[in-house]
Amino acid sequence: MLLADLGAEVVKIEEPGAGDYMRWTPPLVDGQSALFNALNRNKRSLALNLKSDAGRDLLLRLVEKADVLVEGNRPGVMERLGLGWPVLHGRNRRLVMCSITGYGQTGPFAARAGHDINYVATAGALGLNGPRDGPPVPLSVQVADIGGGGLQPAVAILGALLGVQRGEEGRWIDASMTDGAVSWLSLVFAAHAAGESVGRGDQRLAGRYACYRVYECAGGGFYSVGALEPKFWAALCGALDRQDLVDRQFSEDVAVQREVEQLFMTRTREEWRSILEPLDACCEPVLDVGEVARHPQVAARGVLEAMQRGSAPGLGEHSAAILADVGVDATRFEELRSSGVTA
């Protein structure tokens, strides 16, 4: 999706019949998943049965013209299909192949099934998320899936393509969602290695200090406070009419946190917005999802406007056109479609 947004021509290869299972994941819009539509914008769909000789042959013909092949099967599947890296590299020395899996191509968990919650659990991120005296809480953003399995592979692919442009051969990228999630905890591991206790809800940026916390307001709203720099904390203390707290910015005494909690409970979120918005103090209201699009900064930047050259494709919508590029005429396409190789 990220590469398609940047202008790459992305062909999504799906099994004829059901296609990507995410197509049918609720909520549905006009019979197709809204989640699928969001992640598959700007792509073309080719239905291809890779378990058939004809399907594998067609993929290899596409590989000869491609810059990148991304696959998300468990380790060993591409080899069993006769489409492993040595075969693909032999057909196109400039090809970059990126294999995205939960745990990577090697190690005792390589073939193990999992989802984002399992990967962030293994990486240590899940255990750190939640209140100090409560249980771990699942993250609302899929750090392993989207970060380790999307953003970081996209960066690796672009780096590999740059190498190809400089005259290098293509390479095989082993992208692990768990590895990616682990890398996002670099500051946590650095603190732990330095001998610091790293506990849930007790990190510098996760509740330890009163100057960097989320506070509940009267009426049920919440406000985020990120006043790490002394000048920002001093400005906030002035707005709270509590200058006595200025020198206690990094106090680990929970009494300081409780006092600020009580102060925020004296006004609603909107009342605090009118007080804090004019200040240079790194304080912002916590928005619900439905409020985000109306935020003036988000609206001004057009963040949620579709960055589309084309909407998400129907299953096999572009099969005939894509295969025509590798010499499959209309008659042969109908033969392949009738035999279940494509759709």
C-alpha atoms as a PDB file:
ATOM      1  CA  MET A   1       0.000   0.000   0.000  1.00  0.00           C
ATOM      2  CA  LEU A   2       2.783   2.438   0.917  1.00  0.00           C
ATOM      3  CA  LEU A   3       4.629   1.767  -2.328  1.00  0.00           C
ATOM      4  CA  ALA A   4       1.388   2.012  -4.314  1.00  0.00           C
ATOM      5  CA  ASP A   5       0.685   5.372  -2.681  1.00  0.00           C
ATOM      6  CA  LEU A   6       4.128   6.511  -3.853  1.00  0.00           C
ATOM      7  CA  GLY A   7       3.231   5.600  -7.434  1.00  0.00           C
ATOM      8  CA  ALA A   8       4.387   1.996  -7.814  1.00  0.00           C
ATOM      9  CA  GLU A   9       2.329  -0.315 -10.008  1.00  0.00           C
ATOM     10  CA  VAL A  10       1.296  -3.039  -7.552  1.00  0.00           C
ATOM     11  CA  VAL A  11      -0.292  -6.292  -8.717  1.00  0.00           C
ATOM     12  CA  LYS A  12      -2.001  -8.244  -5.943  1.00  0.00           C
ATOM     13  CA  ILE A  13      -1.935 -11.969  -6.737  1.00  0.00           C
ATOM     14  CA  GLU A  14      -4.817 -13.892  -5.168  1.00  0.00           C
ATOM     15  CA  GLU A  15      -6.114 -17.427  -5.340  1.00  0.00           C
ATOM     16  CA  PRO A  16      -9.101 -17.827  -7.702  1.00  0.00           C
ATOM     17  CA  GLY A  17     -12.357 -18.312  -5.845  1.00  0.00           C
ATOM     18  CA  ALA A  18     -12.286 -16.689  -2.431  1.00  0.00           C
ATOM     19  CA  GLY A  19      -9.174 -14.559  -2.903  1.00  0.00           C
ATOM     20  CA  ASP A  20      -7.686 -12.718   0.049  1.00  0.00           C
ATOM     21  CA  TYR A  21      -9.698 -13.744   3.131  1.00  0.00           C
ATOM     22  CA  MET A  22      -9.668 -10.134   4.271  1.00  0.00           C
ATOM     23  CA  ARG A  23     -12.071  -9.273   1.444  1.00  0.00           C
ATOM     24  CA  TRP A  24     -14.862 -10.700   3.613  1.00  0.00           C
ATOM     25  CA  THR A  25     -13.821  -9.323   7.006  1.00  0.00           C
ATOM     26  CA  PRO A  26     -16.551  -7.051   8.482  1.00  0.00           C
ATOM     27  CA  PRO A  27     -17.545  -4.289   8.199  1.00  0.00           C
ATOM     28  CA  LEU A  28     -18.602  -4.717   4.588  1.00  0.00           C
ATOM     29  CA  VAL A  29     -19.261  -1.871   2.157  1.00  0.00           C
ATOM     30  CA  ASP A  30     -21.051  -2.871  -1.047  1.00  0.00           C
ATOM     31  CA  GLY A  31     -20.206  -6.497  -0.347  1.00  0.00           C
ATOM     32  CA  GLN A  32     -16.485  -5.981   0.261  1.00  0.00           C
ATOM     33  CA  SER A  33     -14.548  -5.329   3.453  1.00  0.00           C
ATOM     34  CA  ALA A  34     -13.888  -1.689   4.322  1.00  0.00           C
ATOM     35  CA  LEU A  35     -10.625  -2.868   5.895  1.00  0.00           C
ATOM     36  CA  PHE A  36      -9.574  -4.610   2.688  1.00  0.00           C
ATOM     37  CA  ASN A  37     -10.462  -1.517   0.688  1.00  0.00           C
ATOM     38  CA  ALA A  38      -8.289   0.667   2.912  1.00  0.00           C
ATOM     39  CA  LEU A  39      -5.201  -1.552   2.638  1.00  0.00           C
ATOM     40  CA  ASN A  40      -5.515  -2.387  -1.059  1.00  0.00           C
ATOM     41  CA  ARG A  41      -6.113   0.972  -2.647  1.00  0.00           C
ATOM     42  CA  ASN A  42      -4.183   1.731  -5.839  1.00  0.00           C
ATOM     43  CA  LYS A  43      -3.534  -1.974  -6.565  1.00  0.00           C
ATOM     44  CA  ARG A  44      -4.555  -4.248  -9.415  1.00  0.00           C
ATOM     45  CA  SER A  45      -5.805  -7.794  -8.781  1.00  0.00           C
ATOM     46  CA  LEU A  46      -4.659 -10.919 -10.603  1.00  0.00           C
ATOM     47  CA  ALA A  47      -6.306 -14.229  -9.719  1.00  0.00           C
ATOM     48  CA  LEU A  48      -3.719 -16.976 -10.178  1.00  0.00           C
ATOM     49  CA  ASN A  49      -3.592 -20.589  -8.972  1.00  0.00           C
ATOM     50  CA  LEU A  50       0.054 -21.091  -8.025  1.00  0.00           C
ATOM     51  CA  LYS A  51      -0.519 -24.778  -7.311  1.00  0.00           C
ATOM     52  CA  SER A  52      -0.918 -25.381 -11.046  1.00  0.00           C
ATOM     53  CA  ASP A  53       1.949 -25.636 -13.530  1.00  0.00           C
ATOM     54  CA  ALA A  54       0.360 -23.004 -15.744  1.00  0.00           C
ATOM     55  CA  GLY A  55      -0.098 -20.624 -12.814  1.00  0.00           C
ATOM     56  CA  ARG A  56       3.524 -20.968 -11.736  1.00  0.00           C
ATOM     57  CA  ASP A  57       4.710 -20.445 -15.302  1.00  0.00           C
ATOM     58  CA  LEU A  58       2.673 -17.254 -15.584  1.00  0.00           C
ATOM     59  CA  LEU A  59       4.090 -15.933 -12.315  1.00  0.00           C
ATOM     60  CA  LEU A  60       7.646 -16.576 -13.534  1.00  0.00           C
ATOM     61  CA  ARG A  61       6.863 -14.681 -16.721  1.00  0.00           C
ATOM     62  CA  LEU A  62       5.622 -11.775 -14.622  1.00  0.00           C
ATOM     63  CA  VAL A  63       8.736 -11.988 -12.439  1.00  0.00           C
ATOM     64  CA  GLU A  64      10.932 -11.473 -15.489  1.00  0.00           C
ATOM     65  CA  LYS A  65       9.465  -7.960 -15.863  1.00  0.00           C
ATOM     66  CA  ALA A  66       9.004  -7.105 -12.194  1.00  0.00           C
ATOM     67  CA  ASP A  67      11.167  -5.049  -9.833  1.00  0.00           C
ATOM     68  CA  VAL A  68       9.859  -6.572  -6.594  1.00  0.00           C
ATOM     69  CA  LEU A  69       7.974  -9.650  -5.429  1.00  0.00           C
ATOM     70  CA  VAL A  70       6.427  -9.518  -1.941  1.00  0.00           C
ATOM     71  CA  GLU A  71       5.111 -12.735  -0.399  1.00  0.00           C
ATOM     72  CA  GLY A  72       3.516 -13.483   2.943  1.00  0.00           C
ATOM     73  CA  ASN A  73       3.482 -17.284   3.122  1.00  0.00           C
ATOM     74  CA  ARG A  74       4.992 -19.339   5.919  1.00  0.00           C
ATOM     75  CA  PRO A  75       8.674 -20.207   5.411  1.00  0.00           C
ATOM     76  CA  GLY A  76       9.158 -22.982   2.873  1.00  0.00           C
ATOM     77  CA  VAL A  77       5.890 -22.524   0.977  1.00  0.00           C
ATOM     78  CA  MET A  78       7.445 -20.720  -1.988  1.00  0.00           C
ATOM     79  CA  GLU A  79      10.133 -23.416  -2.247  1.00  0.00           C
ATOM     80  CA  ARG A  80       7.496 -26.166  -2.247  1.00  0.00           C
ATOM     81  CA  LEU A  81       5.688 -24.358  -5.047  1.00  0.00           C
ATOM     82  CA  GLY A  82       8.903 -24.277  -7.065  1.00  0.00           C
ATOM     83  CA  LEU A  83       9.072 -20.497  -6.631  1.00  0.00           C
ATOM     84  CA  GLY A  84      11.859 -20.134  -4.090  1.00  0.00           C
ATOM     85  CA  TRP A  85      14.503 -17.438  -4.192  1.00  0.00           C
ATOM     86  CA  PRO A  86      17.051 -19.369  -6.304  1.00  0.00           C
ATOM     87  CA  VAL A  87      14.429 -19.947  -9.001  1.00  0.00           C
ATOM     88  CA  LEU A  88      13.147 -16.367  -9.003  1.00  0.00           C
ATOM     89  CA  HIS A  89      16.648 -14.889  -8.831  1.00  0.00           C
ATOM     90  CA  GLY A  90      17.651 -17.060 -11.758  1.00  0.00           C
ATOM     91  CA  ARG A  91      14.807 -15.649 -13.865  1.00  0.00           C
ATOM     92  CA  ASN A  92      15.536 -12.010 -12.960  1.00  0.00           C
ATOM     93  CA  ARG A  93      18.879 -11.059 -11.403  1.00  0.00           C
ATOM     94  CA  ARG A  94      17.582  -7.571 -10.578  1.00  0.00           C
ATOM     95  CA  LEU A  95      14.490  -8.804  -8.727  1.00  0.00           C
ATOM     96  CA  VAL A  96      14.028  -7.875  -5.069  1.00  0.00           C
ATOM     97  CA  MET A  97      12.057 -10.490  -3.141  1.00  0.00           C
ATOM     98  CA  CYS A  98      10.616  -9.580   0.255  1.00  0.00           C
ATOM     99  CA  SER A  99       9.240 -12.377   2.445  1.00  0.00           C
ATOM    100  CA  ILE A 100       7.097 -11.043   5.302  1.00  0.00           C
ATOM    101  CA  THR A 101       6.357 -13.467   8.133  1.00  0.00           C
ATOM    102  CA  GLY A 102       5.531 -13.344  11.813  1.00  0.00           C
ATOM    103  CA  TYR A 103       8.830 -14.665  13.148  1.00  0.00           C
ATOM    104  CA  GLY A 104      11.205 -14.706  10.171  1.00  0.00           C
ATOM    105  CA  GLN A 105      12.665 -17.406   7.936  1.00  0.00           C
ATOM    106  CA  THR A 106      14.879 -18.931  10.628  1.00  0.00           C
ATOM    107  CA  GLY A 107      14.697 -19.852  14.319  1.00  0.00           C
ATOM    108  CA  PRO A 108      12.508 -22.264  16.323  1.00  0.00           C
ATOM    109  CA  PHE A 109       9.353 -20.141  15.814  1.00  0.00           C
ATOM    110  CA  ALA A 110       9.777 -19.688  12.037  1.00  0.00           C
ATOM    111  CA  ALA A 111       6.828 -21.931  11.129  1.00  0.00           C
ATOM    112  CA  ARG A 112       4.665 -20.920  14.087  1.00  0.00           C
ATOM    113  CA  ALA A 113       1.279 -19.278  13.464  1.00  0.00           C
ATOM    114  CA  GLY A 114       0.556 -15.931  15.059  1.00  0.00           C
ATOM    115  CA  HIS A 115      -1.079 -12.529  14.906  1.00  0.00           C
ATOM    116  CA  ASP A 116      -0.068  -9.036  15.943  1.00  0.00           C
ATOM    117  CA  ILE A 117      -0.979  -9.588  19.591  1.00  0.00           C
ATOM    118  CA  ASN A 118       1.371 -12.604  19.715  1.00  0.00           C
ATOM    119  CA  TYR A 119       4.243 -10.793  18.019  1.00  0.00           C
ATOM    120  CA  VAL A 120       4.087  -7.758  20.323  1.00  0.00           C
ATOM    121  CA  ALA A 121       3.788 -10.123  23.283  1.00  0.00           C
ATOM    122  CA  THR A 122       6.995 -11.871  22.223  1.00  0.00           C
ATOM    123  CA  ALA A 123       8.707  -8.539  21.533  1.00  0.00           C
ATOM    124  CA  GLY A 124       7.960  -7.237  25.032  1.00  0.00           C
ATOM    125  CA  ALA A 125       5.716  -4.388  23.893  1.00  0.00           C
ATOM    126  CA  LEU A 126       2.464  -5.909  25.148  1.00  0.00           C
ATOM    127  CA  GLY A 127       3.838  -6.497  28.627  1.00  0.00           C
ATOM    128  CA  LEU A 128       4.656  -2.806  28.952  1.00  0.00           C
ATOM    129  CA  ASN A 129       1.268  -1.537  27.806  1.00  0.00           C
ATOM    130  CA  GLY A 130      -1.336  -0.813  30.461  1.00  0.00           C
ATOM    131  CA  PRO A 131      -1.625   0.673  33.944  1.00  0.00           C
ATOM    132  CA  ARG A 132       1.030   0.117  36.578  1.00  0.00           C
ATOM    133  CA  ASP A 133      -1.230  -1.952  38.823  1.00  0.00           C
ATOM    134  CA  GLY A 134      -3.245  -3.643  36.097  1.00  0.00           C
ATOM    135  CA  PRO A 135      -2.840  -6.343  33.453  1.00  0.00           C
ATOM    136  CA  PRO A 136      -1.257  -5.841  30.012  1.00  0.00           C
ATOM    137  CA  VAL A 137      -3.681  -4.174  27.593  1.00  0.00           C
ATOM    138  CA  PRO A 138      -3.695  -4.994  23.840  1.00  0.00           C
ATOM    139  CA  LEU A 139      -2.371  -2.120  21.755  1.00  0.00           C
ATOM    140  CA  SER A 140      -4.970  -0.327  19.625  1.00  0.00           C
ATOM    141  CA  VAL A 141      -2.477   0.053  16.771  1.00  0.00           C
ATOM    142  CA  GLN A 142      -0.944  -3.024  15.135  1.00  0.00           C
ATOM    143  CA  VAL A 143       2.712  -2.218  15.738  1.00  0.00           C
ATOM    144  CA  ALA A 144       4.020  -5.578  14.513  1.00  0.00           C
ATOM    145  CA  ASP A 145       1.661  -5.940  11.541  1.00  0.00           C
ATOM    146  CA  ILE A 146       1.767  -2.383  10.239  1.00  0.00           C
ATOM    147  CA  GLY A 147       5.167  -1.302  11.549  1.00  0.00           C
ATOM    148  CA  GLY A 148       7.260  -4.473  11.426  1.00  0.00           C
ATOM    149  CA  GLY A 149       5.277  -6.033   8.585  1.00  0.00           C
ATOM    150  CA  GLY A 150       4.495  -2.956   6.493  1.00  0.00           C
ATOM    151  CA  LEU A 151       6.539   0.174   7.056  1.00  0.00           C
ATOM    152  CA  GLN A 152       9.900  -1.457   7.710  1.00  0.00           C
ATOM    153  CA  PRO A 153       9.701  -3.893   4.762  1.00  0.00           C
ATOM    154  CA  ALA A 154       8.738  -0.982   2.503  1.00  0.00           C
ATOM    155  CA  VAL A 155      11.874   0.874   3.611  1.00  0.00           C
ATOM    156  CA  ALA A 156      13.999  -2.251   3.094  1.00  0.00           C
ATOM    157  CA  ILE A 157      12.543  -2.710  -0.393  1.00  0.00           C
ATOM    158  CA  LEU A 158      13.355   0.877  -1.336  1.00  0.00           C
ATOM    159  CA  GLY A 159      16.913   0.394  -0.049  1.00  0.00           C
ATOM    160  CA  ALA A 160      17.301  -2.778  -2.102  1.00  0.00           C
ATOM    161  CA  LEU A 161      15.953  -1.055  -5.208  1.00  0.00           C
ATOM    162  CA  LEU A 162      18.489   1.720  -4.729  1.00  0.00           C
ATOM    163  CA  GLY A 163      21.203  -0.936  -4.680  1.00  0.00           C
ATOM    164  CA  VAL A 164      19.873  -2.367  -7.946  1.00  0.00           C
ATOM    165  CA  GLN A 165      19.945   1.106  -9.495  1.00  0.00           C
ATOM    166  CA  ARG A 166      23.612   1.334  -8.497  1.00  0.00           C
ATOM    167  CA  GLY A 167      24.411  -1.886 -10.324  1.00  0.00           C
ATOM    168  CA  GLU A 168      23.961  -4.494  -7.602  1.00  0.00           C
ATOM    169  CA  GLU A 169      21.917  -7.647  -8.041  1.00  0.00           C
ATOM    170  CA  GLY A 170      18.558  -8.015  -6.379  1.00  0.00           C
ATOM    171  CA  ARG A 171      18.347  -9.491  -2.901  1.00  0.00           C
ATOM    172  CA  TRP A 172      16.030 -11.533  -0.725  1.00  0.00           C
ATOM    173  CA  ILE A 173      14.680  -9.601   2.272  1.00  0.00           C
ATOM    174  CA  ASP A 174      13.686 -11.644   5.326  1.00  0.00           C
ATOM    175  CA  ALA A 175      11.175  -9.366   7.117  1.00  0.00           C
ATOM    176  CA  SER A 176       9.930 -10.534  10.520  1.00  0.00           C
ATOM    177  CA  MET A 177       7.036  -8.742  12.215  1.00  0.00           C
ATOM    178  CA  THR A 178       8.424  -9.744  15.610  1.00  0.00           C
ATOM    179  CA  ASP A 179      11.882  -8.413  14.742  1.00  0.00           C
ATOM    180  CA  GLY A 180      10.273  -5.161  13.660  1.00  0.00           C
ATOM    181  CA  ALA A 181       8.334  -4.840  16.905  1.00  0.00           C
ATOM    182  CA  VAL A 182      11.485  -5.560  18.937  1.00  0.00           C
ATOM    183  CA  SER A 183      13.324  -2.769  17.108  1.00  0.00           C
ATOM    184  CA  TRP A 184      10.652  -0.291  18.170  1.00  0.00           C
ATOM    185  CA  LEU A 185      11.607  -0.928  21.793  1.00  0.00           C
ATOM    186  CA  SER A 186      15.194   0.287  21.396  1.00  0.00           C
ATOM    187  CA  LEU A 187      14.894   2.905  24.157  1.00  0.00           C
ATOM    188  CA  VAL A 188      13.305   0.389  26.520  1.00  0.00           C
ATOM    189  CA  PHE A 189      16.080  -2.156  25.989  1.00  0.00           C
ATOM    190  CA  ALA A 190      18.712   0.562  26.378  1.00  0.00           C
ATOM    191  CA  ALA A 191      17.254   1.579  29.732  1.00  0.00           C
ATOM    192  CA  HIS A 192      17.056  -2.061  30.848  1.00  0.00           C
ATOM    193  CA  ALA A 193      20.652  -2.730  29.798  1.00  0.00           C
ATOM    194  CA  ALA A 194      21.736   0.289  31.819  1.00  0.00           C
ATOM    195  CA  GLY A 195      20.303  -1.323  34.929  1.00  0.00           C
ATOM    196  CA  GLU A 196      17.036   0.587  35.126  1.00  0.00           C
ATOM    197  CA  SER A 197      13.847  -1.184  36.111  1.00  0.00           C
ATOM    198  CA  VAL A 198      11.380  -1.042  33.226  1.00  0.00           C
ATOM    199  CA  GLY A 199       7.875  -1.813  34.434  1.00  0.00           C
ATOM    200  CA  ARG A 200       4.396  -1.563  32.968  1.00  0.00           C
ATOM    201  CA  GLY A 201       2.983   1.939  33.403  1.00  0.00           C
ATOM    202  CA  ASP A 202       6.208   3.100  35.048  1.00  0.00           C
ATOM    203  CA  GLN A 203       8.411   4.241  32.178  1.00  0.00           C
ATOM    204  CA  ARG A 204       9.488   7.798  31.576  1.00  0.00           C
ATOM    205  CA  LEU A 205       7.046   8.122  28.694  1.00  0.00           C
ATOM    206  CA  ALA A 206       4.357   5.844  30.106  1.00  0.00           C
ATOM    207  CA  GLY A 207       3.168   7.346  33.353  1.00  0.00           C
ATOM    208  CA  ARG A 208       6.141   7.693  35.669  1.00  0.00           C
ATOM    209  CA  TYR A 209       6.105  11.489  35.739  1.00  0.00           C
ATOM    210  CA  ALA A 210       3.232  13.924  36.184  1.00  0.00           C
ATOM    211  CA  CYS A 211       4.528  15.962  33.235  1.00  0.00           C
ATOM    212  CA  TYR A 212       3.918  13.142  30.740  1.00  0.00           C
ATOM    213  CA  ARG A 213       0.581  11.478  31.370  1.00  0.00           C
ATOM    214  CA  VAL A 214      -3.059  11.323  30.326  1.00  0.00           C
ATOM    215  CA  TYR A 215      -5.531  12.974  32.682  1.00  0.00           C
ATOM    216  CA  GLU A 216      -9.261  12.468  32.971  1.00  0.00           C
ATOM    217  CA  CYS A 217     -11.401  15.588  32.885  1.00  0.00           C
ATOM    218  CA  ALA A 218     -14.825  16.286  34.340  1.00  0.00           C
ATOM    219  CA  GLY A 219     -17.528  14.753  32.171  1.00  0.00           C
ATOM    220  CA  GLY A 220     -15.416  11.840  30.980  1.00  0.00           C
ATOM    221  CA  GLY A 221     -13.032  13.429  28.473  1.00  0.00           C
ATOM    222  CA  PHE A 222      -9.250  13.119  28.650  1.00  0.00           C
ATOM    223  CA  TYR A 223      -6.262  15.395  28.117  1.00  0.00           C
ATOM    224  CA  SER A 224      -2.727  14.468  27.100  1.00  0.00           C
ATOM    225  CA  VAL A 225       0.173  16.229  28.790  1.00  0.00           C
ATOM    226  CA  GLY A 226       3.646  15.990  27.233  1.00  0.00           C
ATOM    227  CA  ALA A 227       5.367  18.823  29.085  1.00  0.00           C
ATOM    228  CA  LEU A 228       8.823  17.221  29.266  1.00  0.00           C
ATOM    229  CA  GLU A 229      10.836  20.416  28.825  1.00  0.00           C
ATOM    230  CA  PRO A 230      10.940  22.629  31.956  1.00  0.00           C
ATOM    231  CA  LYS A 231       9.517  25.644  30.113  1.00  0.00           C
ATOM    232  CA  PHE A 232       6.462  23.646  29.019  1.00  0.00           C
ATOM    233  CA  TRP A 233       5.894  22.243  32.512  1.00  0.00           C
ATOM    234  CA  ALA A 234       6.244  25.728  34.007  1.00  0.00           C
ATOM    235  CA  ALA A 235       3.632  27.047  31.560  1.00  0.00           C
ATOM    236  CA  LEU A 236       1.239  24.241  32.493  1.00  0.00           C
ATOM    237  CA  CYS A 237       1.765  24.793  36.226  1.00  0.00           C
ATOM    238  CA  GLY A 238       0.958  28.463  35.676  1.00  0.00           C
ATOM    239  CA  ALA A 239      -2.304  27.544  33.937  1.00  0.00           C
ATOM    240  CA  LEU A 240      -3.117  25.190  36.816  1.00  0.00           C
ATOM    241  CA  ASP A 241      -2.279  27.955  39.306  1.00  0.00           C
ATOM    242  CA  ARG A 242       0.153  25.593  40.989  1.00  0.00           C
ATOM    243  CA  GLN A 243       3.583  27.197  40.764  1.00  0.00           C
ATOM    244  CA  ASP A 244       4.628  25.031  43.698  1.00  0.00           C
ATOM    245  CA  LEU A 245       4.707  22.029  41.366  1.00  0.00           C
ATOM    246  CA  VAL A 246       7.287  23.518  38.997  1.00  0.00           C
ATOM    247  CA  ASP A 247      10.253  22.050  40.879  1.00  0.00           C
ATOM    248  CA  ARG A 248       8.555  18.674  41.217  1.00  0.00           C
ATOM    249  CA  GLN A 249       8.361  17.983  37.479  1.00  0.00           C
ATOM    250  CA  PHE A 250      10.296  14.713  37.612  1.00  0.00           C
ATOM    251  CA  SER A 251       9.293  13.644  41.069  1.00  0.00           C
ATOM    252  CA  GLU A 252       8.439   9.961  41.309  1.00  0.00           C
ATOM    253  CA  ASP A 253       6.161  10.680  44.235  1.00  0.00           C
ATOM    254  CA  VAL A 254       2.705   9.502  43.123  1.00  0.00           C
ATOM    255  CA  ALA A 255       1.245  12.302  45.242  1.00  0.00           C
ATOM    256  CA  VAL A 256       2.270  14.781  42.525  1.00  0.00           C
ATOM    257  CA  GLN A 257       0.430  12.781  39.900  1.00  0.00           C
ATOM    258  CA  ARG A 258      -2.644  12.561  42.107  1.00  0.00           C
ATOM    259  CA  GLU A 259      -2.696  16.325  42.664  1.00  0.00           C
ATOM    260  CA  VAL A 260      -2.590  17.003  38.934  1.00  0.00           C
ATOM    261  CA  GLU A 261      -5.291  14.371  38.388  1.00  0.00           C
ATOM    262  CA  GLN A 262      -7.545  16.188  40.831  1.00  0.00           C
ATOM    263  CA  LEU A 263      -6.895  19.505  39.122  1.00  0.00           C
ATOM    264  CA  PHE A 264      -7.874  18.194  35.708  1.00  0.00           C
ATOM    265  CA  MET A 265     -11.087  16.765  37.152  1.00  0.00           C
ATOM    266  CA  THR A 266     -12.248  20.280  38.021  1.00  0.00           C
ATOM    267  CA  ARG A 267     -13.058  21.142  34.381  1.00  0.00           C
ATOM    268  CA  THR A 268     -14.338  19.438  31.263  1.00  0.00           C
ATOM    269  CA  ARG A 269     -12.079  18.611  28.349  1.00  0.00           C
ATOM    270  CA  GLU A 270     -13.451  21.536  26.334  1.00  0.00           C
ATOM    271  CA  GLU A 271     -12.946  23.923  29.227  1.00  0.00           C
ATOM    272  CA  TRP A 272      -9.335  22.797  29.502  1.00  0.00           C
ATOM    273  CA  ARG A 273      -8.971  23.205  25.746  1.00  0.00           C
ATOM    274  CA  SER A 274      -9.914  26.867  25.950  1.00  0.00           C
ATOM    275  CA  ILE A 275      -7.338  27.350  28.723  1.00  0.00           C
ATOM    276  CA  LEU A 276      -4.467  25.257  27.398  1.00  0.00           C
ATOM    277  CA  GLU A 277      -4.749  25.648  23.636  1.00  0.00           C
ATOM    278  CA  PRO A 278      -3.231  29.171  23.634  1.00  0.00           C
ATOM    279  CA  LEU A 279      -0.255  27.956  25.699  1.00  0.00           C
ATOM    280  CA  ASP A 280       3.050  26.629  24.388  1.00  0.00           C
ATOM    281  CA  ALA A 281       2.927  23.664  26.755  1.00  0.00           C
ATOM    282  CA  CYS A 282       2.541  20.409  24.721  1.00  0.00           C
ATOM    283  CA  CYS A 283      -0.976  19.664  25.945  1.00  0.00           C
ATOM    284  CA  GLU A 284      -3.702  18.355  23.626  1.00  0.00           C
ATOM    285  CA  PRO A 285      -7.169  16.836  24.115  1.00  0.00           C
ATOM    286  CA  VAL A 286      -7.486  13.097  23.552  1.00  0.00           C
ATOM    287  CA  LEU A 287      -9.742  12.716  20.513  1.00  0.00           C
ATOM    288  CA  ASP A 288     -12.171   9.936  19.741  1.00  0.00           C
ATOM    289  CA  VAL A 289     -11.849   8.406  16.259  1.00  0.00           C
ATOM    290  CA  GLY A 290     -14.933  10.268  15.045  1.00  0.00           C
ATOM    291  CA  GLU A 291     -13.384  13.605  16.016  1.00  0.00           C
ATOM    292  CA  VAL A 292     -10.097  13.215  14.183  1.00  0.00           C
ATOM    293  CA  ALA A 293     -11.278  14.261  10.721  1.00  0.00           C
ATOM    294  CA  ARG A 294     -12.719  17.488  12.157  1.00  0.00           C
ATOM    295  CA  HIS A 295      -9.506  18.509  13.897  1.00  0.00           C
ATOM    296  CA  PRO A 296      -8.279  21.659  12.144  1.00  0.00           C
ATOM    297  CA  GLN A 297      -4.718  20.375  11.723  1.00  0.00           C
ATOM    298  CA  VAL A 298      -5.779  17.014  10.324  1.00  0.00           C
ATOM    299  CA  ALA A 299      -8.278  18.703   8.011  1.00  0.00           C
ATOM    300  CA  ALA A 300      -5.739  21.267   6.826  1.00  0.00           C
ATOM    301  CA  ARG A 301      -3.207  18.574   5.958  1.00  0.00           C
ATOM    302  CA  GLY A 302      -5.758  16.360   4.189  1.00  0.00           C
ATOM    303  CA  VAL A 303      -4.433  13.305   6.037  1.00  0.00           C
ATOM    304  CA  LEU A 304      -7.634  11.300   5.724  1.00  0.00           C
ATOM    305  CA  GLU A 305      -8.366  12.196   2.133  1.00  0.00           C
ATOM    306  CA  ALA A 306      -7.885   9.168  -0.091  1.00  0.00           C
ATOM    307  CA  MET A 307      -4.453   9.194  -1.730  1.00  0.00           C
ATOM    308  CA  GLN A 308      -5.892   7.249  -4.599  1.00  0.00           C
ATOM    309  CA  ARG A 309      -5.259   6.751  -8.247  1.00  0.00           C
ATOM    310  CA  GLY A 310      -7.658   3.831  -8.031  1.00  0.00           C
ATOM    311  CA  SER A 311      -9.847   2.153  -5.412  1.00  0.00           C
ATOM    312  CA  ALA A 312      -9.330  -1.377  -4.084  1.00  0.00           C
ATOM    313  CA  PRO A 313      -9.810  -3.926  -6.889  1.00  0.00           C
ATOM    314  CA  GLY A 314     -12.341  -6.675  -7.202  1.00  0.00           C
ATOM    315  CA  LEU A 315     -10.990 -10.233  -7.192  1.00  0.00           C
ATOM    316  CA  GLY A 316      -9.298 -10.845 -10.547  1.00  0.00           C
ATOM    317  CA  GLU A 317     -10.517  -7.519 -11.873  1.00  0.00           C
ATOM    318  CA  HIS A 318      -7.324  -6.960 -13.871  1.00  0.00           C
ATOM    319  CA  SER A 319      -6.337 -10.561 -14.641  1.00  0.00           C
ATOM    320  CA  ALA A 320      -6.858 -10.340 -18.396  1.00  0.00           C
ATOM    321  CA  ALA A 321      -4.984  -7.045 -18.769  1.00  0.00           C
ATOM    322  CA  ILE A 322      -2.049  -8.119 -16.584  1.00  0.00           C
ATOM    323  CA  LEU A 323      -1.621 -11.462 -18.343  1.00  0.00           C
ATOM    324  CA  ALA A 324      -1.881  -9.762 -21.712  1.00  0.00           C
ATOM    325  CA  ASP A 325       1.360  -7.985 -20.789  1.00  0.00           C
ATOM    326  CA  VAL A 326       3.137 -11.356 -20.789  1.00  0.00           C
ATOM    327  CA  GLY A 327       1.630 -12.583 -24.040  1.00  0.00           C
ATOM    328  CA  VAL A 328      -1.659 -14.202 -22.973  1.00  0.00           C
ATOM    329  CA  ASP A 329      -4.229 -13.381 -25.627  1.00  0.00           C
ATOM    330  CA  ALA A 330      -8.004 -13.484 -25.174  1.00  0.00           C
ATOM    331  CA  THR A 331      -8.345 -17.081 -26.382  1.00  0.00           C
ATOM    332  CA  ARG A 332      -5.624 -18.384 -24.087  1.00  0.00           C
ATOM    333  CA  PHE A 333      -7.023 -16.370 -21.188  1.00  0.00           C
ATOM    334  CA  GLU A 334     -10.405 -18.056 -21.579  1.00  0.00           C
ATOM    335  CA  GLU A 335      -8.687 -21.452 -21.575  1.00  0.00           C
ATOM    336  CA  LEU A 336      -6.831 -20.557 -18.357  1.00  0.00           C
ATOM    337  CA  ARG A 337      -9.996 -19.225 -16.773  1.00  0.00           C
ATOM    338  CA  SER A 338     -12.002 -22.322 -17.683  1.00  0.00           C
ATOM    339  CA  SER A 339      -9.354 -24.591 -16.149  1.00  0.00           C
ATOM    340  CA  GLY A 340      -9.247 -22.629 -12.891  1.00  0.00           C
ATOM    341  CA  VAL A 341      -5.750 -21.213 -13.355  1.00  0.00           C
ATOM    342  CA  THR A 342      -7.073 -17.670 -13.294  1.00  0.00           C
ATOM    343  CA  ALA A 343     -10.323 -15.810 -12.869  1.00  0.00           C
END
